[in-house]
PDB file of N, CA and C in Angstrom:
ATOM      1  N   MET A   1     -38.038-126.833  98.950  1.00  0.00           N
ATOM      2  CA  MET A   1     -37.589-125.655  98.256  1.00  0.00           C
ATOM      3  C   MET A   1     -38.131-124.404  98.946  1.00  0.00           C
ATOM      4  N   ALA A   2     -39.333-124.493  99.476  1.00  0.00           N
ATOM      5  CA  ALA A   2     -39.919-123.346 100.169  1.00  0.00           C
ATOM      6  C   ALA A   2     -39.124-123.005 101.423  1.00  0.00           C
ATOM      7  N   LEU A   3     -38.642-124.022 102.140  1.00  0.00           N
ATOM      8  CA  LEU A   3     -37.832-123.755 103.324  1.00  0.00           C
ATOM      9  C   LEU A   3     -36.505-123.119 102.951  1.00  0.00           C
ATOM     10  N   ALA A   4     -35.920-123.558 101.848  1.00  0.00           N
ATOM     11  CA  ALA A   4     -34.670-122.957 101.387  1.00  0.00           C
ATOM     12  C   ALA A   4     -34.887-121.505 100.994  1.00  0.00           C
ATOM     13  N   ALA A   5     -36.018-121.200 100.400  1.00  0.00           N
ATOM     14  CA  ALA A   5     -36.314-119.824 100.006  1.00  0.00           C
ATOM     15  C   ALA A   5     -36.477-118.924 101.218  1.00  0.00           C
ATOM     16  N   GLU A   6     -36.904-119.476 102.341  1.00  0.00           N
ATOM     17  CA  GLU A   6     -37.097-118.678 103.547  1.00  0.00           C
ATOM     18  C   GLU A   6     -35.788-118.210 104.169  1.00  0.00           C
ATOM     19  N   ILE A   7     -34.705-118.942 103.955  1.00  0.00           N
ATOM     20  CA  ILE A   7     -33.445-118.580 104.609  1.00  0.00           C
ATOM     21  C   ILE A   7     -32.441-117.950 103.658  1.00  0.00           C
ATOM     22  N   LEU A   8     -32.875-117.533 102.493  1.00  0.00           N
ATOM     23  CA  LEU A   8     -31.969-116.883 101.556  1.00  0.00           C
ATOM     24  C   LEU A   8     -31.487-115.552 102.129  1.00  0.00           C
ATOM     25  N   PRO A   9     -30.227-115.193 101.849  1.00  0.00           N
ATOM     26  CA  PRO A   9     -29.686-113.973 102.433  1.00  0.00           C
ATOM     27  C   PRO A   9     -30.374-112.696 101.952  1.00  0.00           C
ATOM     28  N   GLN A  10     -30.718-112.609 100.662  1.00  0.00           N
ATOM     29  CA  GLN A  10     -31.371-111.417 100.124  1.00  0.00           C
ATOM     30  C   GLN A  10     -32.544-111.851  99.254  1.00  0.00           C
ATOM     31  N   LYS A  11     -33.702-111.342  99.538  1.00  0.00           N
ATOM     32  CA  LYS A  11     -34.886-111.704  98.752  1.00  0.00           C
ATOM     33  C   LYS A  11     -34.772-111.192  97.323  1.00  0.00           C
ATOM     34  N   ARG A  12     -33.984-110.139  97.138  1.00  0.00           N
ATOM     35  CA  ARG A  12     -33.821-109.545  95.817  1.00  0.00           C
ATOM     36  C   ARG A  12     -33.154-110.505  94.829  1.00  0.00           C
ATOM     37  N   HIS A  13     -32.285-111.381  95.336  1.00  0.00           N
ATOM     38  CA  HIS A  13     -31.551-112.315  94.483  1.00  0.00           C
ATOM     39  C   HIS A  13     -32.036-113.743  94.683  1.00  0.00           C
ATOM     40  N   ALA A  14     -33.282-113.910  95.027  1.00  0.00           N
ATOM     41  CA  ALA A  14     -33.806-115.242  95.348  1.00  0.00           C
ATOM     42  C   ALA A  14     -33.728-116.197  94.163  1.00  0.00           C
ATOM     43  N   GLY A  15     -34.034-115.727  92.964  1.00  0.00           N
ATOM     44  CA  GLY A  15     -33.984-116.596  91.785  1.00  0.00           C
ATOM     45  C   GLY A  15     -32.589-117.125  91.523  1.00  0.00           C
ATOM     46  N   ARG A  16     -31.610-116.244  91.597  1.00  0.00           N
ATOM     47  CA  ARG A  16     -30.229-116.649  91.363  1.00  0.00           C
ATOM     48  C   ARG A  16     -29.778-117.642  92.427  1.00  0.00           C
ATOM     49  N   ASP A  17     -30.075-117.336  93.684  1.00  0.00           N
ATOM     50  CA  ASP A  17     -29.641-118.204  94.767  1.00  0.00           C
ATOM     51  C   ASP A  17     -30.303-119.574  94.699  1.00  0.00           C
ATOM     52  N   LEU A  18     -31.571-119.624  94.342  1.00  0.00           N
ATOM     53  CA  LEU A  18     -32.253-120.914  94.201  1.00  0.00           C
ATOM     54  C   LEU A  18     -31.718-121.698  93.012  1.00  0.00           C
ATOM     55  N   ALA A  19     -31.296-120.997  91.950  1.00  0.00           N
ATOM     56  CA  ALA A  19     -30.705-121.684  90.801  1.00  0.00           C
ATOM     57  C   ALA A  19     -29.377-122.335  91.193  1.00  0.00           C
ATOM     58  N   VAL A  20     -28.575-121.644  91.977  1.00  0.00           N
ATOM     59  CA  VAL A  20     -27.310-122.210  92.449  1.00  0.00           C
ATOM     60  C   VAL A  20     -27.573-123.398  93.367  1.00  0.00           C
ATOM     61  N   LEU A  21     -28.567-123.284  94.223  1.00  0.00           N
ATOM     62  CA  LEU A  21     -28.938-124.391  95.097  1.00  0.00           C
ATOM     63  C   LEU A  21     -29.380-125.606  94.285  1.00  0.00           C
ATOM     64  N   ASN A  22     -30.179-125.382  93.274  1.00  0.00           N
ATOM     65  CA  ASN A  22     -30.637-126.476  92.416  1.00  0.00           C
ATOM     66  C   ASN A  22     -29.475-127.114  91.672  1.00  0.00           C
ATOM     67  N   LEU A  23     -28.562-126.297  91.186  1.00  0.00           N
ATOM     68  CA  LEU A  23     -27.392-126.822  90.484  1.00  0.00           C
ATOM     69  C   LEU A  23     -26.537-127.662  91.421  1.00  0.00           C
ATOM     70  N   GLY A  24     -26.400-127.201  92.651  1.00  0.00           N
ATOM     71  CA  GLY A  24     -25.637-127.959  93.640  1.00  0.00           C
ATOM     72  C   GLY A  24     -26.272-129.294  93.983  1.00  0.00           C
ATOM     73  N   ASN A  25     -27.578-129.396  93.853  1.00  0.00           N
ATOM     74  CA  ASN A  25     -28.261-130.665  94.107  1.00  0.00           C
ATOM     75  C   ASN A  25     -28.272-131.570  92.885  1.00  0.00           C
ATOM     76  N   THR A  26     -28.341-130.986  91.698  1.00  0.00           N
ATOM     77  CA  THR A  26     -28.513-131.766  90.483  1.00  0.00           C
ATOM     78  C   THR A  26     -27.208-132.337  89.937  1.00  0.00           C
ATOM     79  N   LEU A  27     -26.146-131.558  89.944  1.00  0.00           N
ATOM     80  CA  LEU A  27     -24.884-132.024  89.359  1.00  0.00           C
ATOM     81  C   LEU A  27     -24.352-133.310  89.992  1.00  0.00           C
ATOM     82  N   PRO A  28     -24.292-133.416  91.311  1.00  0.00           N
ATOM     83  CA  PRO A  28     -23.811-134.683  91.881  1.00  0.00           C
ATOM     84  C   PRO A  28     -24.687-135.878  91.512  1.00  0.00           C
ATOM     85  N   GLN A  29     -25.989-135.659  91.395  1.00  0.00           N
ATOM     86  CA  GLN A  29     -26.886-136.751  91.031  1.00  0.00           C
ATOM     87  C   GLN A  29     -26.682-137.190  89.587  1.00  0.00           C
ATOM     88  N   MET A  30     -26.172-136.296  88.764  1.00  0.00           N
ATOM     89  CA  MET A  30     -25.898-136.653  87.374  1.00  0.00           C
ATOM     90  C   MET A  30     -24.526-137.295  87.220  1.00  0.00           C
ATOM     91  N   LEU A  31     -23.549-136.790  87.952  1.00  0.00           N
ATOM     92  CA  LEU A  31     -22.172-137.245  87.778  1.00  0.00           C
ATOM     93  C   LEU A  31     -21.848-138.516  88.556  1.00  0.00           C
ATOM     94  N   ALA A  32     -22.445-138.707  89.706  1.00  0.00           N
ATOM     95  CA  ALA A  32     -22.116-139.863  90.542  1.00  0.00           C
ATOM     96  C   ALA A  32     -22.390-141.201  89.870  1.00  0.00           C
ATOM     97  N   PRO A  33     -23.525-141.409  89.213  1.00  0.00           N
ATOM     98  CA  PRO A  33     -23.723-142.711  88.555  1.00  0.00           C
ATOM     99  C   PRO A  33     -22.725-142.983  87.434  1.00  0.00           C
ATOM    100  N   MET A  34     -22.362-141.938  86.692  1.00  0.00           N
ATOM    101  CA  MET A  34     -21.372-142.135  85.628  1.00  0.00           C
ATOM    102  C   MET A  34     -20.004-142.484  86.212  1.00  0.00           C
ATOM    103  N   LEU A  35     -19.618-141.784  87.272  1.00  0.00           N
ATOM    104  CA  LEU A  35     -18.345-142.074  87.929  1.00  0.00           C
ATOM    105  C   LEU A  35     -18.362-143.481  88.523  1.00  0.00           C
ATOM    106  N   ALA A  36     -19.463-143.864  89.150  1.00  0.00           N
ATOM    107  CA  ALA A  36     -19.569-145.195  89.752  1.00  0.00           C
ATOM    108  C   ALA A  36     -19.481-146.287  88.695  1.00  0.00           C
ATOM    109  N   LEU A  37     -20.092-146.064  87.556  1.00  0.00           N
ATOM    110  CA  LEU A  37     -20.025-147.059  86.489  1.00  0.00           C
ATOM    111  C   LEU A  37     -18.600-147.229  85.992  1.00  0.00           C
ATOM    112  N   MET A  38     -17.900-146.110  85.811  1.00  0.00           N
ATOM    113  CA  MET A  38     -16.514-146.197  85.338  1.00  0.00           C
ATOM    114  C   MET A  38     -15.621-146.873  86.371  1.00  0.00           C
ATOM    115  N   LEU A  39     -15.803-146.542  87.644  1.00  0.00           N
ATOM    116  CA  LEU A  39     -14.957-147.137  88.677  1.00  0.00           C
ATOM    117  C   LEU A  39     -15.283-148.607  88.911  1.00  0.00           C
ATOM    118  N   ALA A  40     -16.548-148.969  88.843  1.00  0.00           N
ATOM    119  CA  ALA A  40     -16.928-150.371  89.049  1.00  0.00           C
ATOM    120  C   ALA A  40     -16.415-151.249  87.918  1.00  0.00           C
ATOM    121  N   ALA A  41     -16.286-150.683  86.726  1.00  0.00           N
ATOM    122  CA  ALA A  41     -15.797-151.451  85.583  1.00  0.00           C
ATOM    123  C   ALA A  41     -14.274-151.498  85.525  1.00  0.00           C
ATOM    124  N   SER A  42     -13.596-150.742  86.381  1.00  0.00           N
ATOM    125  CA  SER A  42     -12.138-150.713  86.377  1.00  0.00           C
ATOM    126  C   SER A  42     -11.588-151.991  87.006  1.00  0.00           C
ATOM    127  N   PRO A  43     -10.309-152.272  86.803  1.00  0.00           N
ATOM    128  CA  PRO A  43      -9.725-153.503  87.372  1.00  0.00           C
ATOM    129  C   PRO A  43      -9.775-153.559  88.905  1.00  0.00           C
ATOM    130  N   THR A  44      -9.716-152.409  89.560  1.00  0.00           N
ATOM    131  CA  THR A  44      -9.763-152.433  91.025  1.00  0.00           C
ATOM    132  C   THR A  44     -11.174-152.634  91.558  1.00  0.00           C
ATOM    133  N   GLY A  45     -12.158-152.394  90.711  1.00  0.00           N
ATOM    134  CA  GLY A  45     -13.544-152.690  91.065  1.00  0.00           C
ATOM    135  C   GLY A  45     -14.119-151.798  92.134  1.00  0.00           C
ATOM    136  N   TYR A  46     -14.864-152.422  93.032  1.00  0.00           N
ATOM    137  CA  TYR A  46     -15.633-151.678  94.013  1.00  0.00           C
ATOM    138  C   TYR A  46     -14.790-151.069  95.134  1.00  0.00           C
ATOM    139  N   SER A  47     -13.598-151.596  95.386  1.00  0.00           N
ATOM    140  CA  SER A  47     -12.791-151.042  96.481  1.00  0.00           C
ATOM    141  C   SER A  47     -12.440-149.586  96.212  1.00  0.00           C
ATOM    142  N   THR A  48     -12.088-149.249  94.988  1.00  0.00           N
ATOM    143  CA  THR A  48     -11.793-147.857  94.639  1.00  0.00           C
ATOM    144  C   THR A  48     -13.055-147.009  94.734  1.00  0.00           C
ATOM    145  N   LEU A  49     -14.154-147.555  94.284  1.00  0.00           N
ATOM    146  CA  LEU A  49     -15.426-146.829  94.364  1.00  0.00           C
ATOM    147  C   LEU A  49     -15.777-146.500  95.812  1.00  0.00           C
ATOM    148  N   PHE A  50     -15.610-147.446  96.722  1.00  0.00           N
ATOM    149  CA  PHE A  50     -15.925-147.214  98.123  1.00  0.00           C
ATOM    150  C   PHE A  50     -14.954-146.223  98.768  1.00  0.00           C
ATOM    151  N   LEU A  51     -13.673-146.288  98.403  1.00  0.00           N
ATOM    152  CA  LEU A  51     -12.700-145.346  98.954  1.00  0.00           C
ATOM    153  C   LEU A  51     -12.997-143.920  98.496  1.00  0.00           C
ATOM    154  N   ILE A  52     -13.319-143.744  97.240  1.00  0.00           N
ATOM    155  CA  ILE A  52     -13.645-142.410  96.729  1.00  0.00           C
ATOM    156  C   ILE A  52     -14.945-141.915  97.355  1.00  0.00           C
ATOM    157  N   SER A  53     -15.914-142.797  97.526  1.00  0.00           N
ATOM    158  CA  SER A  53     -17.173-142.401  98.166  1.00  0.00           C
ATOM    159  C   SER A  53     -16.951-141.973  99.608  1.00  0.00           C
ATOM    160  N   ALA A  54     -16.107-142.691 100.325  1.00  0.00           N
ATOM    161  CA  ALA A  54     -15.813-142.331 101.710  1.00  0.00           C
ATOM    162  C   ALA A  54     -15.087-140.990 101.778  1.00  0.00           C
ATOM    163  N   ALA A  55     -14.147-140.761 100.878  1.00  0.00           N
ATOM    164  CA  ALA A  55     -13.425-139.490 100.848  1.00  0.00           C
ATOM    165  C   ALA A  55     -14.372-138.337 100.516  1.00  0.00           C
ATOM    166  N   ALA A  56     -15.288-138.550  99.585  1.00  0.00           N
ATOM    167  CA  ALA A  56     -16.252-137.513  99.219  1.00  0.00           C
ATOM    168  C   ALA A  56     -17.185-137.208 100.393  1.00  0.00           C
ATOM    169  N   ALA A  57     -17.610-138.241 101.110  1.00  0.00           N
ATOM    170  CA  ALA A  57     -18.475-138.024 102.273  1.00  0.00           C
ATOM    171  C   ALA A  57     -17.730-137.265 103.364  1.00  0.00           C
ATOM    172  N   GLY A  58     -16.459-137.596 103.567  1.00  0.00           N
ATOM    173  CA  GLY A  58     -15.657-136.884 104.556  1.00  0.00           C
ATOM    174  C   GLY A  58     -15.464-135.424 104.186  1.00  0.00           C
ATOM    175  N   CYS A  59     -15.182-135.161 102.910  1.00  0.00           N
ATOM    176  CA  CYS A  59     -15.034-133.778 102.443  1.00  0.00           C
ATOM    177  C   CYS A  59     -16.349-133.019 102.598  1.00  0.00           C
ATOM    178  N   GLY A  60     -17.445-133.662 102.286  1.00  0.00           N
ATOM    179  CA  GLY A  60     -18.751-133.022 102.446  1.00  0.00           C
ATOM    180  C   GLY A  60     -19.031-132.676 103.895  1.00  0.00           C
ATOM    181  N   GLY A  61     -18.653-133.550 104.795  1.00  0.00           N
ATOM    182  CA  GLY A  61     -18.821-133.271 106.222  1.00  0.00           C
ATOM    183  C   GLY A  61     -17.968-132.104 106.684  1.00  0.00           C
ATOM    184  N   LEU A  62     -16.737-132.035 106.188  1.00  0.00           N
ATOM    185  CA  LEU A  62     -15.867-130.910 106.558  1.00  0.00           C
ATOM    186  C   LEU A  62     -16.400-129.592 106.011  1.00  0.00           C
ATOM    187  N   PHE A  63     -16.901-129.617 104.795  1.00  0.00           N
ATOM    188  CA  PHE A  63     -17.475-128.398 104.225  1.00  0.00           C
ATOM    189  C   PHE A  63     -18.741-127.983 104.972  1.00  0.00           C
ATOM    190  N   ALA A  64     -19.512-128.950 105.422  1.00  0.00           N
ATOM    191  CA  ALA A  64     -20.733-128.634 106.157  1.00  0.00           C
ATOM    192  C   ALA A  64     -20.436-127.965 107.497  1.00  0.00           C
ATOM    193  N   LEU A  65     -19.279-128.265 108.062  1.00  0.00           N
ATOM    194  CA  LEU A  65     -18.897-127.623 109.321  1.00  0.00           C
ATOM    195  C   LEU A  65     -18.660-126.124 109.141  1.00  0.00           C
ATOM    196  N   ARG A  66     -18.332-125.709 107.940  1.00  0.00           N
ATOM    197  CA  ARG A  66     -18.049-124.302 107.671  1.00  0.00           C
ATOM    198  C   ARG A  66     -19.303-123.474 107.387  1.00  0.00           C
ATOM    199  N   VAL A  67     -20.449-124.129 107.261  1.00  0.00           N
ATOM    200  CA  VAL A  67     -21.687-123.412 106.985  1.00  0.00           C
ATOM    201  C   VAL A  67     -22.140-122.704 108.249  1.00  0.00           C
ATOM    202  N   ARG A  68     -22.470-121.447 108.082  1.00  0.00           N
ATOM    203  CA  ARG A  68     -22.942-120.649 109.214  1.00  0.00           C
ATOM    204  C   ARG A  68     -24.354-120.168 108.943  1.00  0.00           C
ATOM    205  N   TYR A  69     -25.140-120.177 109.975  1.00  0.00           N
ATOM    206  CA  TYR A  69     -26.505-119.659 109.860  1.00  0.00           C
ATOM    207  C   TYR A  69     -26.463-118.163 110.133  1.00  0.00           C
ATOM    208  N   SER A  70     -26.978-117.387 109.203  1.00  0.00           N
ATOM    209  CA  SER A  70     -26.913-115.924 109.359  1.00  0.00           C
ATOM    210  C   SER A  70     -28.281-115.332 109.680  1.00  0.00           C
ATOM    211  N   GLY A  71     -29.147-116.099 110.267  1.00  0.00           N
ATOM    212  CA  GLY A  71     -30.491-115.628 110.536  1.00  0.00           C
ATOM    213  C   GLY A  71     -30.588-114.965 111.814  1.00  0.00           C
TER     214      GLY A  71
END
């Protein structure tokens, strides 16, 4: 968290920016197990779960390519 605080764009809005960062880390950790449980219990089972996981990882990689360092 200290390293993330060092690269924030404006020190004046550090609390807000860290809250958004925390939310971005926490929400997927809360939603993914619930989604996995629902998909694993579905008739298609784990194949759908793996396909959705692969698509999410691919989307995350594409979004990461758009991140620019402004330091």
